[in-house]
Amino acid sequence: MDDSKSGNKALDYIIKDMVSTVSNSKDEIFQIGEDSRTEFEKLSKELETIKVNVATLIDDGDELERKVRLSRLRLSEVSKKFLQYSEDEIRKVYEQTHGLQMDLSMTREKEKQLRDRRHEIELRLRSIDETIEKAEGLAGKISVVLNYLTEDLKDVTETLKTAKEKQQFGLQIIEAQEEERRRLSREIHDGPAQALANVMLRSDLVERTFNARGIDEALEEMRNVRKLVRSALYDVRRIIYDLRPMALDDLGLVPTLKKYLATVEDYNQTTIEFVSMGSSRRIDSKYEVAIFRLIQEAVQNALKHAEARTIEVKFELKASSTTIVIKDDGKGFDPSVKKEKSFGLVGMRERVEMVNGDLDIHSVPGEGTIVTIKMPLNS
């Protein structure tokens, strides 16, 4: 008994130490990402200034070259007819030509230096962008590990006493934490975060466009900015809805699915046919959430990856089981070929397995995809 308690304390100590180490690593990676973003913004502004200065120097250099050519012609004329000009006049022409040549040389040298700096900044920006992407990827992975350590491994020795507790432990991981948080982080980064960054950049262009090209093109740029804002607002609302659709608790599964699919259909200009068969009764909340998420993931996969124009969703609720079929006319894929970072299919399989269900995916390249899910409804 004492050995068991000692082992438990040692395990708790190891977990706490791991949590501390992972948490510190996450903070360091986050700081690297923030510092990189700050440097990226600073260099981007410098690059814009350099581009303007290079254009100005090119124009100045071209004008100086024209003046040098004229001055050289004047100097050649004076040299041929030096007896007709005084020594002072000859000296002035020579000094003027020499001065223009020096100005041209300095201007071209400044232009070269700015071009070199521009090339250096462009290379640096590409490197920083890769660093930011890697930092975000690592931060996401570390967040998954940290959540796993702090939430799901809390009092792990007590949680893993029985097979039933282990099953609930795995279900909690899939349904409540890692997959949802990772998906949410990815969607925020790819959706609203990118859109808002574009809004910031495009808004800076409005004033420059107005000054350079006039009010009509500036208004067109403002209309583009409004489109970006509208798209970002939709993504934020969709992500909030994805966290936990309130209608699922209030109205039930079928009405929530109808509302969700209608919204997706309107926004994506896609035809979605929904058919509900069998009983209309309410079922356990965990099954309603699981079914909603599975249909949601399958529909999003059909839109984003298969580029489907028509999607059919059939849901049948029986006394002790349910069957779900999602069919699309998209470009399909080869299920035997595993793709890197295919988080959607992995999450669906894990979610189905944790409720003792079966998932079958039939797809042929160019012929669409059929996803069939059969799930027992245990008490």
Protein backbone atom coordinates (compact mmCIF):
# COMPACT_ATOMS: atom_id res chain seq x y z
CA MET A 1 0.00 0.00 0.00
CA ASP A 2 2.84 2.36 0.90
CA ASP A 3 4.54 1.49 -2.38
CA SER A 4 1.35 2.37 -4.25
CA LYS A 5 1.06 5.77 -2.52
CA SER A 6 4.74 6.43 -3.16
CA GLY A 7 4.27 5.56 -6.83
CA ASN A 8 1.25 7.86 -7.07
CA LYS A 9 3.19 10.76 -5.55
CA ALA A 10 6.08 10.14 -7.93
CA LEU A 11 3.70 10.10 -10.90
CA ASP A 12 2.02 13.33 -9.75
CA TYR A 13 5.45 14.95 -9.33
CA ILE A 14 6.47 13.89 -12.84
CA ILE A 15 3.25 15.28 -14.32
CA LYS A 16 3.66 18.61 -12.48
CA ASP A 17 7.25 18.88 -13.66
CA MET A 18 6.19 18.13 -17.24
CA VAL A 19 3.41 20.75 -17.01
CA SER A 20 5.89 23.37 -15.80
CA THR A 21 8.39 22.57 -18.56
CA VAL A 22 5.78 22.53 -21.32
CA SER A 23 4.16 25.74 -20.05
CA ASN A 24 7.51 27.57 -20.06
CA SER A 25 8.22 26.30 -23.56
CA LYS A 26 4.83 27.52 -24.74
CA ASP A 27 5.48 31.02 -23.32
CA GLU A 28 8.88 31.16 -25.02
CA ILE A 29 7.48 30.07 -28.37
CA PHE A 30 4.63 32.58 -28.06
CA GLN A 31 7.14 35.35 -27.37
CA ILE A 32 9.20 34.29 -30.39
CA GLY A 33 6.06 34.53 -32.52
CA GLU A 34 5.14 37.97 -31.16
CA ASP A 35 8.69 39.30 -31.62
CA SER A 36 8.71 37.94 -35.17
CA ARG A 37 5.39 39.63 -35.95
CA THR A 38 6.69 42.95 -34.61
CA GLU A 39 9.83 42.69 -36.73
CA PHE A 40 7.74 41.64 -39.75
CA GLU A 41 5.55 44.75 -39.46
CA LYS A 42 8.58 47.02 -38.98
CA LEU A 43 10.41 45.60 -41.99
CA SER A 44 7.25 45.73 -44.12
CA LYS A 45 6.92 49.47 -43.47
CA GLU A 46 10.63 49.98 -44.22
CA LEU A 47 10.23 48.00 -47.46
CA GLU A 48 7.37 50.24 -48.60
CA THR A 49 9.45 53.34 -47.90
CA ILE A 50 12.45 51.90 -49.76
CA LYS A 51 10.31 51.10 -52.81
CA VAL A 52 9.12 54.71 -52.95
CA ASN A 53 12.69 56.04 -52.53
CA VAL A 54 14.04 53.71 -55.22
CA ALA A 55 11.43 54.94 -57.67
CA THR A 56 12.34 58.54 -56.84
CA LEU A 57 16.09 57.88 -57.25
CA ILE A 58 15.50 56.20 -60.61
CA ASP A 59 13.67 59.30 -61.85
CA ASP A 60 16.37 61.59 -60.43
CA GLY A 61 19.09 59.46 -62.00
CA ASP A 62 17.42 59.53 -65.42
CA GLU A 63 17.15 63.33 -65.23
CA LEU A 64 20.81 63.64 -64.19
CA GLU A 65 21.89 61.40 -67.09
CA ARG A 66 20.07 63.72 -69.47
CA LYS A 67 21.81 66.75 -67.99
CA VAL A 68 25.21 65.00 -68.11
CA ARG A 69 24.77 64.23 -71.80
CA LEU A 70 23.93 67.87 -72.55
CA SER A 71 26.84 69.10 -70.42
CA ARG A 72 29.26 66.75 -72.17
CA LEU A 73 28.11 68.02 -75.53
CA ARG A 74 28.67 71.58 -74.29
CA LEU A 75 32.12 70.64 -72.99
CA SER A 76 33.03 69.00 -76.31
CA GLU A 77 31.95 72.11 -78.18
CA VAL A 78 33.99 74.38 -75.90
CA SER A 79 37.03 72.09 -76.23
CA LYS A 80 36.92 72.20 -80.02
CA LYS A 81 36.53 75.98 -80.10
CA PHE A 82 38.55 76.86 -77.03
CA LEU A 83 39.96 79.98 -78.70
CA GLN A 84 36.46 81.48 -78.81
CA TYR A 85 35.92 81.09 -75.05
CA SER A 86 37.67 82.57 -72.09
CA GLU A 87 39.53 80.43 -69.59
CA ASP A 88 36.87 81.20 -66.97
CA GLU A 89 34.06 79.99 -69.26
CA ILE A 90 35.91 76.76 -70.07
CA ARG A 91 36.55 76.12 -66.36
CA LYS A 92 32.85 76.67 -65.50
CA VAL A 93 31.69 74.22 -68.19
CA TYR A 94 34.19 71.63 -67.01
CA GLU A 95 33.22 72.04 -63.34
CA GLN A 96 29.51 71.84 -64.19
CA THR A 97 30.04 68.60 -66.15
CA HIS A 98 32.17 67.11 -63.39
CA GLY A 99 29.62 68.07 -60.72
CA LEU A 100 26.76 66.50 -62.66
CA GLN A 101 28.76 63.31 -63.12
CA MET A 102 29.48 63.17 -59.39
CA ASP A 103 25.79 63.72 -58.57
CA LEU A 104 24.80 60.98 -61.02
CA SER A 105 27.35 58.58 -59.54
CA MET A 106 26.14 59.26 -55.99
CA THR A 107 22.50 58.87 -57.04
CA ARG A 108 23.15 55.53 -58.73
CA GLU A 109 25.15 54.36 -55.71
CA LYS A 110 22.27 55.28 -53.39
CA GLU A 111 19.88 53.47 -55.72
CA LYS A 112 22.10 50.36 -55.64
CA GLN A 113 22.31 50.45 -51.84
CA LEU A 114 18.52 50.74 -51.53
CA ARG A 115 18.01 47.90 -54.02
CA ASP A 116 20.38 45.71 -52.01
CA ARG A 117 18.55 46.63 -48.80
CA ARG A 118 15.20 45.89 -50.47
CA HIS A 119 16.41 42.44 -51.52
CA GLU A 120 17.78 41.82 -48.01
CA ILE A 121 14.45 42.81 -46.40
CA GLU A 122 12.43 40.63 -48.80
CA LEU A 123 14.58 37.62 -47.90
CA ARG A 124 14.27 38.44 -44.21
CA LEU A 125 10.48 38.79 -44.45
CA ARG A 126 10.20 35.35 -46.03
CA SER A 127 12.34 33.90 -43.25
CA ILE A 128 10.31 35.65 -40.53
CA ASP A 129 7.03 34.46 -42.09
CA GLU A 130 8.31 30.86 -41.94
CA THR A 131 9.35 31.40 -38.32
CA ILE A 132 5.89 32.74 -37.41
CA GLU A 133 4.20 29.77 -39.10
CA LYS A 134 6.45 27.29 -37.30
CA ALA A 135 5.94 29.05 -33.96
CA GLU A 136 2.16 28.93 -34.37
CA GLY A 137 2.31 25.25 -35.27
CA LEU A 138 4.47 24.45 -32.26
CA ALA A 139 2.30 26.56 -29.95
CA GLY A 140 -0.77 24.67 -31.10
CA LYS A 141 0.85 21.30 -30.51
CA ILE A 142 2.14 22.38 -27.10
CA SER A 143 -1.33 23.64 -26.16
CA VAL A 144 -2.72 20.19 -26.92
CA VAL A 145 -0.04 18.57 -24.75
CA LEU A 146 -0.53 21.11 -21.98
CA ASN A 147 -4.31 20.65 -21.93
CA TYR A 148 -3.79 16.91 -21.87
CA LEU A 149 -1.42 17.17 -18.91
CA THR A 150 -3.36 19.74 -16.88
CA GLU A 151 -6.91 18.51 -17.49
CA ASP A 152 -7.05 14.90 -18.59
CA LEU A 153 -4.14 13.58 -16.52
CA LYS A 154 -5.33 15.28 -13.30
CA ASP A 155 -5.50 12.59 -10.64
CA VAL A 156 -4.70 10.10 -13.38
CA THR A 157 -4.07 7.23 -10.97
CA GLU A 158 -7.64 7.49 -9.68
CA THR A 159 -9.15 8.01 -13.13
CA LEU A 160 -7.65 4.87 -14.63
CA LYS A 161 -8.92 2.41 -12.02
CA THR A 162 -11.51 0.76 -14.23
CA ALA A 163 -12.07 0.19 -17.93
CA LYS A 164 -15.20 2.35 -17.81
CA GLU A 165 -13.23 5.30 -16.42
CA LYS A 166 -10.61 4.86 -19.13
CA GLN A 167 -13.31 4.99 -21.79
CA GLN A 168 -14.77 8.18 -20.28
CA PHE A 169 -11.25 9.57 -20.10
CA GLY A 170 -10.69 8.98 -23.82
CA LEU A 171 -14.14 10.32 -24.71
CA GLN A 172 -13.44 13.51 -22.76
CA ILE A 173 -10.19 14.01 -24.69
CA ILE A 174 -11.88 13.63 -28.07
CA GLU A 175 -15.15 15.45 -27.36
CA ALA A 176 -14.20 18.28 -25.06
CA GLN A 177 -10.60 19.31 -25.46
CA GLU A 178 -7.75 18.49 -27.83
CA GLU A 179 -9.50 18.14 -31.17
CA GLU A 180 -11.93 21.02 -30.63
CA ARG A 181 -9.26 23.41 -29.32
CA ARG A 182 -6.84 22.54 -32.09
CA ARG A 183 -9.56 22.95 -34.71
CA LEU A 184 -10.65 26.25 -33.19
CA SER A 185 -7.09 27.59 -33.10
CA ARG A 186 -6.56 26.59 -36.73
CA GLU A 187 -9.84 28.16 -37.86
CA ILE A 188 -9.14 31.45 -36.06
CA HIS A 189 -5.67 31.63 -37.59
CA ASP A 190 -6.82 30.79 -41.12
CA GLY A 191 -10.05 32.82 -40.95
CA PRO A 192 -10.56 35.96 -38.83
CA ALA A 193 -6.88 36.51 -38.00
CA GLN A 194 -5.82 36.48 -41.64
CA ALA A 195 -8.83 38.56 -42.68
CA LEU A 196 -8.16 41.22 -40.04
CA ALA A 197 -4.49 41.36 -41.02
CA ASN A 198 -5.58 41.94 -44.62
CA VAL A 199 -7.98 44.65 -43.44
CA MET A 200 -5.10 46.48 -41.73
CA LEU A 201 -2.93 46.30 -44.84
CA ARG A 202 -5.74 47.25 -47.23
CA SER A 203 -6.89 50.15 -45.06
CA ASP A 204 -3.38 51.64 -45.30
CA LEU A 205 -3.72 51.52 -49.08
CA VAL A 206 -6.93 53.60 -49.18
CA GLU A 207 -5.24 56.91 -48.46
CA ARG A 208 -2.34 56.20 -50.81
CA THR A 209 -4.78 55.15 -53.52
CA PHE A 210 -6.79 58.36 -53.03
CA ASN A 211 -3.67 60.52 -53.31
CA ALA A 212 -2.22 58.64 -56.26
CA ARG A 213 -5.24 57.56 -58.33
CA GLY A 214 -8.22 59.60 -57.20
CA ILE A 215 -11.44 59.12 -55.28
CA ASP A 216 -13.01 56.48 -57.56
CA GLU A 217 -10.26 53.91 -57.04
CA ALA A 218 -10.08 54.82 -53.34
CA LEU A 219 -13.81 54.09 -52.97
CA GLU A 220 -13.34 50.77 -54.75
CA GLU A 221 -10.55 49.93 -52.30
CA MET A 222 -12.86 50.82 -49.39
CA ARG A 223 -15.53 48.50 -50.81
CA ASN A 224 -12.96 45.71 -50.87
CA VAL A 225 -12.10 46.43 -47.23
CA ARG A 226 -15.80 46.20 -46.30
CA LYS A 227 -15.99 42.79 -47.99
CA LEU A 228 -13.04 41.59 -45.91
CA VAL A 229 -14.66 42.88 -42.70
CA ARG A 230 -17.95 41.18 -43.59
CA SER A 231 -16.17 37.89 -44.27
CA ALA A 232 -14.24 38.11 -40.98
CA LEU A 233 -17.46 38.85 -39.09
CA TYR A 234 -19.12 35.78 -40.59
CA ASP A 235 -16.15 33.59 -39.63
CA VAL A 236 -16.22 34.87 -36.04
CA ARG A 237 -19.95 34.20 -35.74
CA ARG A 238 -19.52 30.74 -37.26
CA ILE A 239 -16.69 29.87 -34.87
CA ILE A 240 -18.77 31.02 -31.89
CA TYR A 241 -21.63 28.88 -33.17
CA ASP A 242 -19.28 25.93 -33.65
CA LEU A 243 -18.16 26.09 -30.02
CA ARG A 244 -21.60 25.08 -28.82
CA PRO A 245 -24.77 25.82 -30.79
CA MET A 246 -27.27 27.00 -28.17
CA ALA A 247 -30.16 25.72 -30.27
CA LEU A 248 -28.92 22.17 -29.69
CA ASP A 249 -29.87 22.37 -26.00
CA ASP A 250 -33.06 24.36 -26.55
CA LEU A 251 -34.58 22.92 -29.72
CA GLY A 252 -32.95 19.55 -30.13
CA LEU A 253 -30.84 17.85 -32.78
CA VAL A 254 -33.03 17.88 -35.90
CA PRO A 255 -34.08 21.60 -35.77
CA THR A 256 -30.48 22.60 -35.06
CA LEU A 257 -29.22 20.56 -38.01
CA LYS A 258 -31.83 22.14 -40.29
CA LYS A 259 -30.82 25.65 -39.20
CA TYR A 260 -27.11 24.93 -39.50
CA LEU A 261 -27.35 23.32 -42.95
CA ALA A 262 -29.60 26.13 -44.23
CA THR A 263 -27.03 28.71 -43.09
CA VAL A 264 -24.17 26.81 -44.73
CA GLU A 265 -26.21 26.45 -47.92
CA ASP A 266 -26.94 30.19 -48.13
CA TYR A 267 -23.40 31.33 -47.44
CA ASN A 268 -21.61 28.85 -49.72
CA GLN A 269 -24.17 28.94 -52.55
CA THR A 270 -24.40 25.16 -52.33
CA THR A 271 -27.43 22.90 -52.50
CA ILE A 272 -27.82 20.87 -49.29
CA GLU A 273 -30.69 18.37 -49.01
CA PHE A 274 -31.54 17.24 -45.48
CA VAL A 275 -33.81 14.27 -44.77
CA SER A 276 -34.77 13.17 -41.23
CA MET A 277 -36.41 9.78 -40.75
CA GLY A 278 -37.64 7.76 -37.81
CA SER A 279 -38.35 9.02 -34.31
CA SER A 280 -38.23 12.73 -33.44
CA ARG A 281 -37.51 12.18 -29.74
CA ARG A 282 -34.66 13.80 -27.80
CA ILE A 283 -31.65 11.62 -27.05
CA ASP A 284 -28.79 11.87 -24.58
CA SER A 285 -26.87 15.15 -24.90
CA LYS A 286 -23.51 13.47 -25.60
CA TYR A 287 -25.01 11.66 -28.62
CA GLU A 288 -26.68 14.81 -29.91
CA VAL A 289 -23.36 16.67 -29.74
CA ALA A 290 -21.47 13.77 -31.35
CA ILE A 291 -23.98 13.46 -34.22
CA PHE A 292 -24.03 17.23 -34.81
CA ARG A 293 -20.23 17.44 -34.87
CA LEU A 294 -19.88 14.46 -37.22
CA ILE A 295 -22.34 15.90 -39.72
CA GLN A 296 -20.73 19.32 -39.36
CA GLU A 297 -17.24 17.93 -40.05
CA ALA A 298 -18.41 15.85 -43.03
CA VAL A 299 -20.21 18.84 -44.60
CA GLN A 300 -17.21 21.14 -44.07
CA ASN A 301 -14.92 18.53 -45.65
CA ALA A 302 -17.23 18.31 -48.66
CA LEU A 303 -17.17 22.10 -49.07
CA LYS A 304 -13.53 22.87 -48.36
CA HIS A 305 -11.73 19.86 -49.78
CA ALA A 306 -14.15 18.17 -52.20
CA GLU A 307 -15.51 21.49 -53.56
CA ALA A 308 -18.97 19.92 -53.73
CA ARG A 309 -21.92 21.74 -55.28
CA THR A 310 -24.62 19.37 -53.97
CA ILE A 311 -24.64 17.61 -50.57
CA GLU A 312 -27.22 15.14 -49.28
CA VAL A 313 -27.57 14.55 -45.51
CA LYS A 314 -29.80 11.71 -44.29
CA PHE A 315 -30.41 11.09 -40.59
CA GLU A 316 -32.41 8.12 -39.28
CA LEU A 317 -33.17 7.70 -35.57
CA LYS A 318 -34.24 4.24 -34.45
CA ALA A 319 -35.09 2.85 -31.01
CA SER A 320 -31.52 1.94 -30.05
CA SER A 321 -29.35 3.20 -32.89
CA THR A 322 -28.95 5.87 -35.52
CA THR A 323 -27.67 5.92 -39.09
CA ILE A 324 -26.19 8.97 -40.81
CA VAL A 325 -25.32 9.25 -44.51
CA ILE A 326 -23.57 12.29 -46.03
CA LYS A 327 -23.16 12.18 -49.81
CA ASP A 328 -21.55 14.82 -52.05
CA ASP A 329 -20.78 15.31 -55.75
CA GLY A 330 -17.29 16.68 -55.12
CA LYS A 331 -13.97 15.68 -56.63
CA GLY A 332 -13.54 12.69 -54.31
CA PHE A 333 -10.28 11.10 -53.19
CA ASP A 334 -8.54 7.76 -52.67
CA PRO A 335 -9.25 6.61 -49.07
CA SER A 336 -6.27 4.25 -49.18
CA VAL A 337 -3.85 7.17 -49.57
CA LYS A 338 -3.13 8.79 -46.23
CA LYS A 339 -2.69 12.56 -46.32
CA GLU A 340 -0.62 14.54 -43.86
CA LYS A 341 -2.54 16.75 -41.42
CA SER A 342 -5.91 15.16 -42.32
CA PHE A 343 -7.26 16.20 -38.92
CA GLY A 344 -10.90 16.13 -40.01
CA LEU A 345 -11.09 12.42 -40.87
CA VAL A 346 -8.95 11.46 -37.88
CA GLY A 347 -11.23 13.39 -35.53
CA MET A 348 -14.33 11.81 -37.06
CA ARG A 349 -12.94 8.28 -36.68
CA GLU A 350 -11.94 8.88 -33.06
CA ARG A 351 -15.29 10.42 -32.20
CA VAL A 352 -17.20 7.49 -33.76
CA GLU A 353 -14.98 4.91 -32.05
CA MET A 354 -15.48 6.48 -28.63
CA VAL A 355 -19.25 5.93 -28.87
CA ASN A 356 -18.72 2.38 -30.22
CA GLY A 357 -19.95 3.32 -33.68
CA ASP A 358 -18.82 2.43 -37.20
CA LEU A 359 -17.56 4.86 -39.85
CA ASP A 360 -17.37 3.94 -43.53
CA ILE A 361 -16.00 6.28 -46.19
CA HIS A 362 -16.52 5.40 -49.84
CA SER A 363 -14.88 7.75 -52.32
CA VAL A 364 -13.50 7.62 -55.85
CA PRO A 365 -11.51 10.48 -57.44
CA GLY A 366 -13.88 12.46 -59.64
CA GLU A 367 -17.01 10.65 -58.42
CA GLY A 368 -17.77 12.20 -55.04
CA THR A 369 -17.80 10.79 -51.50
CA ILE A 370 -20.29 8.88 -49.32
CA VAL A 371 -19.80 8.92 -45.54
CA THR A 372 -21.88 6.39 -43.59
CA ILE A 373 -22.01 6.41 -39.78
CA LYS A 374 -23.83 3.84 -37.64
CA MET A 375 -24.02 4.54 -33.94
CA PRO A 376 -25.63 2.58 -31.06
CA LEU A 377 -27.58 4.65 -28.53
CA ASN A 378 -26.74 3.06 -25.18
CA SER A 379 -28.35 4.20 -21.97
